N, C-alpha and C. Protein backbone atom coordinates (compact mmCIF):
# COMPACT_ATOMS: atom_id res chain seq x y z
N UNK A 1 93.84 128.75 98.50
CA UNK A 1 92.66 127.92 99.14
C UNK A 1 91.94 128.76 100.12
N UNK A 2 90.68 128.57 99.97
CA UNK A 2 89.66 129.29 100.72
C UNK A 2 89.65 128.76 102.25
N UNK A 3 89.60 129.56 103.13
CA UNK A 3 89.63 129.18 104.62
C UNK A 3 88.03 129.24 105.22
N UNK A 4 87.61 128.17 105.79
CA UNK A 4 86.28 128.20 106.43
C UNK A 4 86.33 128.14 107.93
N UNK A 5 85.10 128.69 108.49
CA UNK A 5 85.15 128.74 109.92
C UNK A 5 83.53 128.32 110.32
N UNK A 6 83.56 127.43 111.30
CA UNK A 6 82.39 126.94 111.67
C UNK A 6 82.32 127.09 113.18
N UNK A 7 81.37 127.83 113.66
CA UNK A 7 81.18 128.21 115.11
C UNK A 7 81.71 129.49 115.48
N UNK A 8 81.81 129.71 116.77
CA UNK A 8 82.32 131.03 117.43
C UNK A 8 83.62 130.81 117.94
N UNK A 9 84.71 131.40 117.59
CA UNK A 9 85.92 131.28 118.04
C UNK A 9 85.94 131.51 119.73
N UNK A 10 85.21 132.31 120.26
CA UNK A 10 85.21 132.74 121.75
C UNK A 10 84.44 131.54 122.45
N UNK A 11 83.66 130.68 121.79
CA UNK A 11 83.21 129.56 122.48
C UNK A 11 83.83 128.21 122.05
N UNK A 12 83.45 127.73 120.86
CA UNK A 12 84.14 126.57 120.15
C UNK A 12 83.99 126.75 118.63
N UNK A 13 84.99 126.55 118.03
CA UNK A 13 84.90 126.61 116.49
C UNK A 13 85.98 125.90 115.82
N UNK A 14 85.89 125.42 114.60
CA UNK A 14 86.85 124.73 113.79
C UNK A 14 87.00 125.63 112.59
N UNK A 15 88.19 125.89 112.24
CA UNK A 15 88.61 126.62 111.04
C UNK A 15 89.33 125.50 110.20
N UNK A 16 89.10 125.55 108.91
CA UNK A 16 89.86 124.60 108.07
C UNK A 16 90.07 125.18 106.60
N UNK A 17 91.07 124.49 105.93
CA UNK A 17 91.24 124.92 104.53
C UNK A 17 91.93 123.54 103.96
N UNK A 18 91.38 123.29 102.77
CA UNK A 18 91.72 122.04 101.99
C UNK A 18 92.86 122.23 101.02
N UNK A 19 93.94 121.49 100.92
CA UNK A 19 94.93 121.57 99.86
C UNK A 19 94.89 120.27 99.08
N UNK A 20 94.13 120.52 97.81
CA UNK A 20 93.98 119.31 96.92
C UNK A 20 95.16 118.58 96.60
N UNK A 21 96.28 119.44 96.11
CA UNK A 21 97.43 118.79 95.46
C UNK A 21 98.08 117.76 96.58
N UNK A 22 98.11 118.12 97.83
CA UNK A 22 98.77 117.47 98.82
C UNK A 22 97.79 116.53 99.48
N UNK A 23 96.49 116.73 99.22
CA UNK A 23 95.38 115.84 99.89
C UNK A 23 95.55 116.05 101.45
N UNK A 24 95.76 117.45 101.86
CA UNK A 24 95.90 117.86 103.29
C UNK A 24 94.77 118.74 103.68
N UNK A 25 94.64 118.68 105.10
CA UNK A 25 93.67 119.80 105.54
C UNK A 25 94.44 120.49 106.64
N UNK A 26 94.40 121.76 106.57
CA UNK A 26 94.80 122.63 107.78
C UNK A 26 93.66 122.88 108.70
N UNK A 27 94.00 122.63 109.91
CA UNK A 27 92.87 122.71 110.98
C UNK A 27 93.31 123.42 112.13
N UNK A 28 92.37 124.35 112.51
CA UNK A 28 92.57 125.16 113.86
C UNK A 28 91.40 124.73 114.61
N UNK A 29 91.33 124.43 115.95
CA UNK A 29 90.43 124.28 116.87
C UNK A 29 90.31 125.43 117.78
N UNK A 30 89.29 126.16 117.98
CA UNK A 30 89.28 127.17 118.93
C UNK A 30 88.41 126.83 120.20
N UNK A 31 88.98 127.07 121.32
CA UNK A 31 88.21 127.08 122.55
C UNK A 31 88.46 128.16 123.26
N UNK A 32 87.38 128.79 123.69
CA UNK A 32 87.44 130.28 124.40
C UNK A 32 88.46 131.19 123.87
N UNK A 33 88.48 131.15 122.51
CA UNK A 33 89.24 132.12 121.69
C UNK A 33 90.81 131.74 121.41
N UNK A 34 91.09 130.46 121.86
CA UNK A 34 92.44 130.03 121.70
C UNK A 34 92.53 128.98 120.67
N UNK A 35 93.43 128.94 119.61
CA UNK A 35 93.52 127.95 118.80
C UNK A 35 94.52 126.84 119.42
N UNK A 36 93.83 125.85 120.02
CA UNK A 36 94.61 124.80 120.80
C UNK A 36 95.53 123.87 119.95
N UNK A 37 95.43 124.02 118.68
CA UNK A 37 96.16 123.31 117.84
C UNK A 37 97.42 124.14 117.30
N UNK A 38 97.58 125.46 117.49
CA UNK A 38 98.66 126.32 117.12
C UNK A 38 99.98 125.75 117.86
N UNK A 39 101.00 125.90 116.97
CA UNK A 39 102.36 125.67 117.56
C UNK A 39 103.47 126.22 116.65
N UNK A 40 104.70 126.30 117.37
CA UNK A 40 105.74 126.93 116.57
C UNK A 40 106.73 125.82 116.33
N UNK A 41 107.33 125.75 115.23
CA UNK A 41 108.53 124.73 114.88
C UNK A 41 109.58 125.45 114.16
N UNK A 42 110.71 125.42 114.66
CA UNK A 42 111.89 126.07 114.02
C UNK A 42 111.53 127.57 113.88
N UNK A 43 110.91 128.12 114.81
CA UNK A 43 110.58 129.54 114.93
C UNK A 43 109.55 129.96 114.06
N UNK A 44 108.86 128.98 113.31
CA UNK A 44 107.77 129.46 112.41
C UNK A 44 106.38 129.02 113.00
N UNK A 45 105.45 129.83 112.99
CA UNK A 45 104.10 129.75 113.55
C UNK A 45 103.39 128.76 112.68
N UNK A 46 102.65 127.79 113.14
CA UNK A 46 101.81 126.78 112.27
C UNK A 46 100.49 126.27 113.15
N UNK A 47 99.81 125.53 112.36
CA UNK A 47 98.76 124.78 113.14
C UNK A 47 98.77 123.53 112.28
N UNK A 48 97.83 122.59 112.85
CA UNK A 48 97.92 121.11 112.20
C UNK A 48 97.67 121.27 110.56
N UNK A 49 98.42 120.56 109.80
CA UNK A 49 98.09 120.34 108.45
C UNK A 49 98.74 118.93 108.11
N UNK A 50 97.67 118.17 107.61
CA UNK A 50 98.09 116.85 107.23
C UNK A 50 96.84 116.00 106.61
N UNK A 51 96.92 114.98 106.21
CA UNK A 51 95.70 114.09 105.94
C UNK A 51 95.19 113.63 107.19
N UNK A 52 94.00 114.22 107.34
CA UNK A 52 93.37 113.99 108.66
C UNK A 52 92.17 112.95 108.63
N UNK A 53 92.11 112.03 107.66
CA UNK A 53 91.16 111.05 107.62
C UNK A 53 91.13 110.33 108.96
N UNK A 54 92.13 109.85 109.67
CA UNK A 54 91.98 109.14 110.96
C UNK A 54 91.36 109.97 112.05
N UNK A 55 91.65 111.36 112.03
CA UNK A 55 91.11 112.23 113.03
C UNK A 55 89.76 112.42 112.70
N UNK A 56 89.19 112.55 111.42
CA UNK A 56 87.73 112.79 111.09
C UNK A 56 87.13 111.43 111.57
N UNK A 57 87.69 110.37 111.34
CA UNK A 57 87.05 109.02 111.67
C UNK A 57 86.93 109.10 113.35
N UNK A 58 87.99 109.40 114.10
CA UNK A 58 88.00 109.39 115.47
C UNK A 58 86.90 110.36 115.83
N UNK A 59 86.68 111.54 115.28
CA UNK A 59 85.73 112.45 115.73
C UNK A 59 84.38 111.90 115.50
N UNK A 60 84.09 111.22 114.33
CA UNK A 60 82.76 110.68 114.11
C UNK A 60 82.35 109.70 115.08
N UNK A 61 83.33 108.85 115.42
CA UNK A 61 83.22 107.79 116.36
C UNK A 61 82.96 108.38 117.87
N UNK A 62 83.64 109.37 118.01
CA UNK A 62 83.25 110.02 119.42
C UNK A 62 81.88 110.70 119.49
N UNK A 63 81.61 111.32 118.21
CA UNK A 63 80.17 111.84 118.23
C UNK A 63 79.04 110.73 118.41
N UNK A 64 79.27 109.60 117.76
CA UNK A 64 78.28 108.59 117.85
C UNK A 64 78.23 107.81 119.11
N UNK A 65 79.46 107.82 119.88
CA UNK A 65 79.41 107.10 121.10
C UNK A 65 79.36 108.06 122.30
N UNK A 66 79.08 109.29 122.12
CA UNK A 66 79.07 110.30 123.23
C UNK A 66 78.08 110.00 124.27
N UNK A 67 78.70 109.56 125.45
CA UNK A 67 77.76 109.28 126.71
C UNK A 67 78.70 109.78 127.84
N UNK A 68 77.95 109.68 129.00
CA UNK A 68 78.62 109.89 130.25
C UNK A 68 79.62 108.78 130.53
N UNK A 69 80.87 109.22 130.53
CA UNK A 69 81.90 108.12 130.80
C UNK A 69 83.17 108.66 131.50
N UNK A 70 82.96 108.77 132.93
CA UNK A 70 83.85 109.36 133.65
C UNK A 70 85.39 108.87 133.69
N UNK A 71 86.15 109.69 133.94
CA UNK A 71 87.58 109.13 134.05
C UNK A 71 87.71 107.78 134.87
N UNK A 72 88.45 106.78 134.39
CA UNK A 72 88.14 105.60 135.16
C UNK A 72 88.96 105.36 136.51
N UNK A 73 89.69 106.29 136.95
CA UNK A 73 90.23 106.14 138.29
C UNK A 73 90.05 107.43 139.11
N UNK A 74 89.96 107.31 140.28
CA UNK A 74 90.08 108.47 141.21
C UNK A 74 91.38 109.06 141.26
N UNK A 75 91.54 110.30 140.87
CA UNK A 75 92.83 110.90 140.84
C UNK A 75 92.63 112.46 141.02
N UNK A 76 93.47 113.28 141.55
CA UNK A 76 93.33 114.74 141.44
C UNK A 76 93.32 115.23 140.09
N UNK A 77 92.65 116.50 139.92
CA UNK A 77 92.75 117.11 138.69
C UNK A 77 91.31 117.60 138.37
N UNK A 78 91.21 118.77 137.73
CA UNK A 78 89.86 119.31 137.56
C UNK A 78 89.40 119.02 136.01
N UNK A 79 90.29 118.63 135.18
CA UNK A 79 90.05 118.20 133.83
C UNK A 79 90.79 116.87 133.54
N UNK A 80 90.34 116.33 132.37
CA UNK A 80 90.72 114.87 131.86
C UNK A 80 92.38 115.03 131.83
N UNK A 81 92.83 116.03 131.13
CA UNK A 81 94.28 116.06 130.93
C UNK A 81 95.00 116.13 132.25
N UNK A 82 94.58 116.83 133.17
CA UNK A 82 95.32 116.96 134.44
C UNK A 82 95.15 115.55 135.27
N UNK A 83 94.05 114.99 135.11
CA UNK A 83 93.82 113.64 135.71
C UNK A 83 94.74 112.48 135.14
N UNK A 84 94.86 112.56 133.81
CA UNK A 84 95.67 111.65 133.15
C UNK A 84 97.12 111.77 133.44
N UNK A 85 97.64 113.08 133.74
CA UNK A 85 98.83 113.14 134.26
C UNK A 85 99.19 112.53 135.64
N UNK A 86 98.21 112.75 136.42
CA UNK A 86 98.26 112.25 137.96
C UNK A 86 98.16 110.84 137.96
N UNK A 87 97.25 110.31 137.09
CA UNK A 87 96.91 108.85 137.14
C UNK A 87 98.31 108.07 136.66
N UNK A 88 99.10 108.61 135.79
CA UNK A 88 100.14 107.97 135.22
C UNK A 88 101.37 107.74 136.29
N UNK A 89 101.01 108.20 137.61
CA UNK A 89 102.03 108.04 138.65
C UNK A 89 101.91 106.85 139.44
N UNK A 90 100.80 105.96 139.13
CA UNK A 90 100.40 104.63 139.82
C UNK A 90 101.53 103.81 139.75
N UNK A 91 101.80 103.04 140.69
CA UNK A 91 102.77 101.92 140.63
C UNK A 91 102.29 100.96 141.75
N UNK A 92 102.56 99.70 141.46
CA UNK A 92 102.30 98.53 142.43
C UNK A 92 103.10 97.46 142.20
N UNK A 93 103.35 96.62 143.02
CA UNK A 93 104.18 95.35 142.84
C UNK A 93 103.28 94.27 142.31
N UNK A 94 101.95 94.47 142.61
CA UNK A 94 100.76 93.52 142.22
C UNK A 94 100.58 93.69 140.53
N UNK A 95 101.22 92.79 139.73
CA UNK A 95 101.30 92.94 138.38
C UNK A 95 99.83 92.82 137.73
N UNK A 96 98.91 91.99 138.40
CA UNK A 96 97.60 91.96 138.09
C UNK A 96 96.84 93.29 138.26
N UNK A 97 96.99 93.95 139.40
CA UNK A 97 96.39 95.26 139.68
C UNK A 97 97.09 96.23 138.69
N UNK A 98 98.33 96.24 138.53
CA UNK A 98 99.11 97.21 137.72
C UNK A 98 98.41 97.12 136.19
N UNK A 99 98.29 95.87 135.74
CA UNK A 99 97.74 95.72 134.31
C UNK A 99 96.31 96.15 134.31
N UNK A 100 95.60 95.79 135.20
CA UNK A 100 94.17 96.17 135.19
C UNK A 100 94.05 97.79 135.13
N UNK A 101 94.63 98.47 136.02
CA UNK A 101 94.72 99.71 136.19
C UNK A 101 95.13 100.49 134.66
N UNK A 102 96.18 100.06 134.20
CA UNK A 102 96.75 100.86 133.05
C UNK A 102 95.84 100.35 131.86
N UNK A 103 95.32 99.15 131.86
CA UNK A 103 94.24 98.71 130.73
C UNK A 103 93.08 99.53 130.91
N UNK A 104 92.63 99.96 132.00
CA UNK A 104 91.44 100.86 132.19
C UNK A 104 91.68 102.20 131.60
N UNK A 105 92.91 102.75 131.94
CA UNK A 105 93.40 104.14 131.46
C UNK A 105 93.44 104.09 130.02
N UNK A 106 94.02 103.06 129.47
CA UNK A 106 94.30 103.02 127.99
C UNK A 106 92.86 102.87 127.17
N UNK A 107 92.10 102.04 127.61
CA UNK A 107 90.76 101.99 127.17
C UNK A 107 89.96 103.25 127.06
N UNK A 108 89.99 103.92 128.23
CA UNK A 108 89.31 105.27 128.40
C UNK A 108 90.06 106.13 127.27
N UNK A 109 91.32 106.37 127.26
CA UNK A 109 92.06 107.18 126.41
C UNK A 109 91.64 106.87 124.92
N UNK A 110 91.42 105.67 124.53
CA UNK A 110 91.04 105.38 123.13
C UNK A 110 89.88 105.93 122.90
N UNK A 111 88.94 105.99 123.76
CA UNK A 111 87.60 106.56 123.47
C UNK A 111 87.57 108.14 123.64
N UNK A 112 88.56 108.62 124.30
CA UNK A 112 88.38 110.10 124.69
C UNK A 112 89.61 111.05 124.37
N UNK A 113 90.60 110.49 123.69
CA UNK A 113 91.77 111.17 123.41
C UNK A 113 92.24 110.90 121.90
N UNK A 114 92.16 112.10 121.14
CA UNK A 114 92.45 111.64 119.76
C UNK A 114 93.87 111.38 119.20
N UNK A 115 94.68 111.51 120.07
CA UNK A 115 96.00 111.57 119.65
C UNK A 115 96.40 110.25 118.97
N UNK A 116 95.79 109.22 119.44
CA UNK A 116 96.26 107.72 118.82
C UNK A 116 95.79 107.77 117.34
N UNK A 117 94.97 108.87 116.92
CA UNK A 117 94.46 108.67 115.49
C UNK A 117 95.37 109.86 114.61
N UNK A 118 96.34 110.29 115.26
CA UNK A 118 97.17 111.45 114.55
C UNK A 118 97.70 110.98 113.18
N UNK A 119 98.06 109.76 113.02
CA UNK A 119 98.71 109.22 111.79
C UNK A 119 99.83 110.07 111.22
N UNK A 120 100.60 110.49 112.22
CA UNK A 120 101.99 111.11 111.92
C UNK A 120 101.82 112.77 111.85
N UNK A 121 100.63 113.32 112.12
CA UNK A 121 100.28 114.60 112.17
C UNK A 121 100.99 115.36 113.45
N UNK A 122 101.45 116.52 113.31
CA UNK A 122 101.80 117.24 114.44
C UNK A 122 100.42 117.86 115.07
N UNK A 123 100.00 117.17 116.14
CA UNK A 123 98.60 117.37 116.63
C UNK A 123 98.65 117.53 118.08
N UNK A 124 97.99 118.53 118.56
CA UNK A 124 97.87 118.70 119.93
C UNK A 124 97.20 117.44 120.58
N UNK A 125 97.53 117.25 121.80
CA UNK A 125 97.11 116.05 122.68
C UNK A 125 95.98 116.50 123.35
N UNK A 126 94.79 116.19 122.76
CA UNK A 126 93.44 116.67 123.14
C UNK A 126 92.47 115.55 123.65
N UNK A 127 91.86 115.92 124.91
CA UNK A 127 90.90 114.92 125.32
C UNK A 127 89.44 115.57 125.28
N UNK A 128 88.46 114.76 124.93
CA UNK A 128 87.11 115.18 124.72
C UNK A 128 86.27 114.19 125.80
N UNK A 129 85.34 114.90 126.60
CA UNK A 129 84.54 114.00 127.43
C UNK A 129 83.37 114.68 127.61
N UNK A 130 82.21 113.87 127.76
CA UNK A 130 81.00 114.57 128.10
C UNK A 130 80.86 114.59 129.48
N UNK A 131 80.51 115.86 130.10
CA UNK A 131 80.40 116.09 131.45
C UNK A 131 78.92 116.84 131.58
N UNK A 132 77.91 116.14 131.88
CA UNK A 132 76.49 116.79 132.02
C UNK A 132 76.14 117.15 130.61
N UNK A 133 75.73 118.34 130.47
CA UNK A 133 75.34 118.88 129.06
C UNK A 133 76.44 119.45 128.41
N UNK A 134 77.58 119.28 128.67
CA UNK A 134 78.72 119.82 128.07
C UNK A 134 79.81 118.89 127.68
N UNK A 135 80.59 119.35 126.72
CA UNK A 135 81.80 118.57 126.31
C UNK A 135 82.97 119.21 126.86
N UNK A 136 83.72 118.51 127.76
CA UNK A 136 84.91 119.05 128.32
C UNK A 136 85.92 118.84 127.13
N UNK A 137 86.76 119.91 126.93
CA UNK A 137 87.96 119.75 125.90
C UNK A 137 89.02 120.12 126.75
N UNK A 138 90.03 119.21 126.92
CA UNK A 138 91.23 119.59 127.52
C UNK A 138 92.47 119.02 126.69
N UNK A 139 93.51 119.66 127.07
CA UNK A 139 94.84 119.34 126.39
C UNK A 139 96.08 119.31 127.33
N UNK A 140 96.99 118.61 126.75
CA UNK A 140 98.21 118.46 127.52
C UNK A 140 99.41 118.43 126.41
N UNK A 141 100.01 119.54 126.26
CA UNK A 141 101.17 119.65 125.17
C UNK A 141 102.47 119.89 125.73
N UNK A 142 102.61 119.52 127.01
CA UNK A 142 103.93 119.72 127.73
C UNK A 142 104.91 118.92 127.14
N UNK A 143 104.64 117.75 126.57
CA UNK A 143 105.74 116.74 126.07
C UNK A 143 105.65 116.76 124.47
N UNK A 144 105.74 117.71 123.76
CA UNK A 144 105.52 117.54 122.34
C UNK A 144 106.88 117.10 121.79
N UNK A 145 107.02 116.72 120.58
CA UNK A 145 108.22 116.38 119.84
C UNK A 145 109.08 117.37 119.77
N UNK A 146 110.43 117.08 119.67
CA UNK A 146 111.64 117.95 119.57
C UNK A 146 111.22 119.03 118.49
N UNK A 147 111.62 120.21 119.02
CA UNK A 147 111.31 121.41 117.99
C UNK A 147 110.00 121.95 117.88
N UNK A 148 108.97 121.40 118.49
CA UNK A 148 107.55 121.64 118.43
C UNK A 148 107.24 122.13 119.80
N UNK A 149 106.73 123.45 119.78
CA UNK A 149 106.24 123.95 121.06
C UNK A 149 104.72 124.54 120.83
N UNK A 150 103.87 123.90 121.49
CA UNK A 150 102.51 124.31 121.27
C UNK A 150 102.23 125.58 122.09
N UNK A 151 101.35 126.46 121.56
CA UNK A 151 100.94 127.76 122.20
C UNK A 151 100.25 127.49 123.49
N UNK A 152 99.39 126.49 123.50
CA UNK A 152 98.57 126.12 124.67
C UNK A 152 99.06 124.72 125.15
N UNK A 153 99.88 124.96 126.37
CA UNK A 153 100.51 123.79 126.98
C UNK A 153 99.64 122.80 127.81
N UNK A 154 98.77 123.33 128.59
CA UNK A 154 97.82 122.61 129.33
C UNK A 154 96.63 123.28 129.65
N UNK A 155 95.47 122.92 129.51
CA UNK A 155 94.23 123.73 129.93
C UNK A 155 93.02 122.74 129.56
N UNK A 156 91.90 123.53 129.68
CA UNK A 156 90.53 123.00 129.28
C UNK A 156 89.44 123.79 129.52
N UNK A 157 88.35 123.65 128.99
CA UNK A 157 87.07 124.27 128.97
C UNK A 157 85.96 123.35 128.72
N UNK A 158 84.84 123.73 129.13
CA UNK A 158 83.55 123.01 128.58
C UNK A 158 82.80 123.89 127.63
N UNK A 159 82.29 123.15 126.78
CA UNK A 159 81.64 123.65 125.58
C UNK A 159 80.18 122.93 125.75
N UNK A 160 79.14 123.79 125.52
CA UNK A 160 77.78 123.23 125.39
C UNK A 160 77.67 122.14 124.30
N UNK A 161 77.18 120.99 124.84
CA UNK A 161 77.15 119.71 123.91
C UNK A 161 76.51 119.96 122.63
N UNK A 162 75.39 120.72 122.58
CA UNK A 162 74.74 121.07 121.23
C UNK A 162 75.80 121.94 120.34
N UNK A 163 76.48 122.84 120.96
CA UNK A 163 77.44 123.51 120.14
C UNK A 163 78.48 122.64 119.56
N UNK A 164 79.21 121.78 120.47
CA UNK A 164 80.12 120.84 120.10
C UNK A 164 79.76 119.98 118.93
N UNK A 165 78.35 119.36 119.12
CA UNK A 165 78.07 118.34 118.09
C UNK A 165 77.68 119.13 116.65
N UNK A 166 77.05 120.33 116.79
CA UNK A 166 76.87 121.17 115.47
C UNK A 166 78.14 121.34 114.81
N UNK A 167 79.17 121.95 115.61
CA UNK A 167 80.33 122.30 114.91
C UNK A 167 81.20 121.11 114.35
N UNK A 168 81.35 120.08 115.11
CA UNK A 168 81.97 118.90 114.77
C UNK A 168 81.29 118.31 113.52
N UNK A 169 80.07 118.20 113.66
CA UNK A 169 79.24 117.49 112.64
C UNK A 169 79.25 118.25 111.27
N UNK A 170 79.17 119.60 111.29
CA UNK A 170 79.25 120.43 110.03
C UNK A 170 80.78 120.32 109.46
N UNK A 171 81.83 120.22 110.39
CA UNK A 171 83.07 120.11 109.89
C UNK A 171 83.15 118.60 109.07
N UNK A 172 82.67 117.70 109.78
CA UNK A 172 82.83 116.16 109.21
C UNK A 172 82.05 116.23 107.93
N UNK A 173 80.99 116.80 107.78
CA UNK A 173 80.16 116.74 106.39
C UNK A 173 80.96 117.53 105.50
N UNK A 174 81.62 118.79 105.80
CA UNK A 174 82.51 119.36 104.75
C UNK A 174 83.71 118.45 104.34
N UNK A 175 84.15 117.76 105.39
CA UNK A 175 85.55 117.01 105.27
C UNK A 175 85.07 115.77 104.12
N UNK A 176 84.02 115.04 104.47
CA UNK A 176 83.50 113.91 103.72
C UNK A 176 83.20 114.45 102.22
N UNK A 177 82.58 115.64 102.05
CA UNK A 177 82.29 116.09 100.65
C UNK A 177 83.64 116.36 99.90
N UNK A 178 84.59 116.93 100.65
CA UNK A 178 85.83 117.24 99.94
C UNK A 178 86.58 116.07 99.62
N UNK A 179 86.86 114.98 100.48
CA UNK A 179 87.70 113.96 100.33
C UNK A 179 87.09 112.52 99.99
N UNK A 180 85.85 112.54 100.31
CA UNK A 180 85.11 111.11 99.87
C UNK A 180 84.08 111.36 98.86
């Protein structure tokens, strides 16, 4: 199967390959030269490979709804992945406040974190957030499933919005042409 690359790996790029018999797509996502989807499992180097229909739909939805939407609570951290770790330490005896707090986090995460659309794939826990004229991409893979170790544990970078939109849109068009 032929492998395709969209974008510049040193800025932002998506590399993919389709496997028709299995109806799977192998996916690599590069940010600052690092494949943030790369992992090892049982000593074998791998990247995400699965039926990625839900991920494609999630990315399409994110592109359509891309707008300024800051992290919903004040918490330490320079990137969304770090903020989400810190925000999960919140506790109170006031159940209404507790529920409202975590409802706000969960709603924000549905819009900005693609992990809920993994459909069983081994997939890095990645956050996408528009910040000014850039898309911040951050990840937290410190708590991966047993036997899975992601090369990139925690980090993030900003990608120019125009670059992000072009790369993701081109990938989604290729994905739709292949599978739909």
